[in-house]
Amino acid sequence: MAINRIQKEKLKVLGKKVKALRNEKGLTLKQLSHSINKDPQSVHRLEMGQVNPSYLYLLDICSGLEIEISALLQGS
């Protein structure tokens, strides 16, 4: 099922939030991806809003950022 324009924008907002939180933590893309056993390109695509991540993927991201998922989704 294709995603619509509004959904694409929401994915971009989510990606920007992940990137901002990663930068706040002082982590590089490579460091974050390594800590959660993902490839850097995968995390980059998430940060660019190019993928619709699963719940489990978001839990991995939150684990790597040492935050609760509610902090990631707050305001989304």
Protein backbone atom coordinates (compact mmCIF):
# COMPACT_ATOMS: atom_id res chain seq x y z
CA MET A 1 0.00 0.00 0.00
CA ALA A 2 1.43 3.35 -1.02
CA ILE A 3 1.77 6.12 1.49
CA ASN A 4 0.28 9.53 0.84
CA ARG A 5 1.87 12.97 0.99
CA ILE A 6 0.83 13.63 4.60
CA GLN A 7 2.28 10.31 5.73
CA LYS A 8 5.54 11.08 3.89
CA GLU A 9 5.77 14.38 5.75
CA LYS A 10 5.22 12.62 9.08
CA LEU A 11 8.06 10.19 8.26
CA LYS A 12 10.32 13.16 7.52
CA VAL A 13 9.40 14.73 10.88
CA LEU A 14 10.17 11.45 12.64
CA GLY A 15 13.50 11.19 10.82
CA LYS A 16 14.47 14.73 11.74
CA LYS A 17 13.67 13.99 15.37
CA VAL A 18 15.85 10.86 15.34
CA LYS A 19 18.70 12.84 13.81
CA ALA A 20 18.32 15.70 16.30
CA LEU A 21 18.30 13.29 19.25
CA ARG A 22 21.33 11.46 17.86
CA ASN A 23 23.18 14.76 17.51
CA GLU A 24 22.16 15.82 21.03
CA LYS A 25 23.68 12.59 22.32
CA GLY A 26 26.88 13.32 20.39
CA LEU A 27 26.60 10.14 18.35
CA THR A 28 27.64 9.72 14.76
CA LEU A 29 25.46 7.81 12.36
CA LYS A 30 28.02 5.02 12.39
CA GLN A 31 28.12 4.87 16.21
CA LEU A 32 24.34 4.67 16.52
CA SER A 33 23.97 2.08 13.80
CA HIS A 34 26.78 -0.04 15.26
CA SER A 35 25.23 0.06 18.74
CA ILE A 36 21.95 -1.37 17.43
CA ASN A 37 23.41 -3.76 14.84
CA LYS A 38 22.00 -1.91 11.83
CA ASP A 39 23.86 -0.65 8.80
CA PRO A 40 24.48 3.12 8.65
CA GLN A 41 22.58 3.40 5.37
CA SER A 42 19.47 2.00 7.03
CA VAL A 43 19.59 4.55 9.83
CA HIS A 44 20.34 7.30 7.30
CA ARG A 45 17.23 6.36 5.29
CA LEU A 46 15.19 6.55 8.50
CA GLU A 47 16.60 9.99 9.30
CA MET A 48 15.75 11.18 5.79
CA GLY A 49 12.15 9.96 6.11
CA GLN A 50 12.61 7.48 3.29
CA VAL A 51 11.37 4.40 5.17
CA ASN A 52 8.37 3.51 7.27
CA PRO A 53 10.08 1.87 10.27
CA SER A 54 8.53 -0.97 12.20
CA TYR A 55 7.79 -0.68 15.90
CA LEU A 56 10.69 -3.01 16.65
CA TYR A 57 13.06 -0.89 14.56
CA LEU A 58 11.99 2.20 16.51
CA LEU A 59 12.58 0.33 19.77
CA ASP A 60 16.12 -0.45 18.56
CA ILE A 61 16.70 3.21 17.70
CA CYS A 62 15.44 4.26 21.13
CA SER A 63 17.69 1.71 22.80
CA GLY A 64 20.69 3.10 20.93
CA LEU A 65 19.72 6.65 21.89
CA GLU A 66 18.95 5.57 25.47
CA ILE A 67 15.50 7.10 25.40
CA GLU A 68 11.96 5.86 25.85
CA ILE A 69 9.88 5.50 22.70
CA SER A 70 7.45 8.07 24.09
CA ALA A 71 10.23 10.69 23.89
CA LEU A 72 10.69 9.89 20.23
CA LEU A 73 7.01 9.96 19.37
CA GLN A 74 6.10 12.97 21.50
CA GLY A 75 4.75 15.75 19.32
CA SER A 76 4.70 13.59 16.18
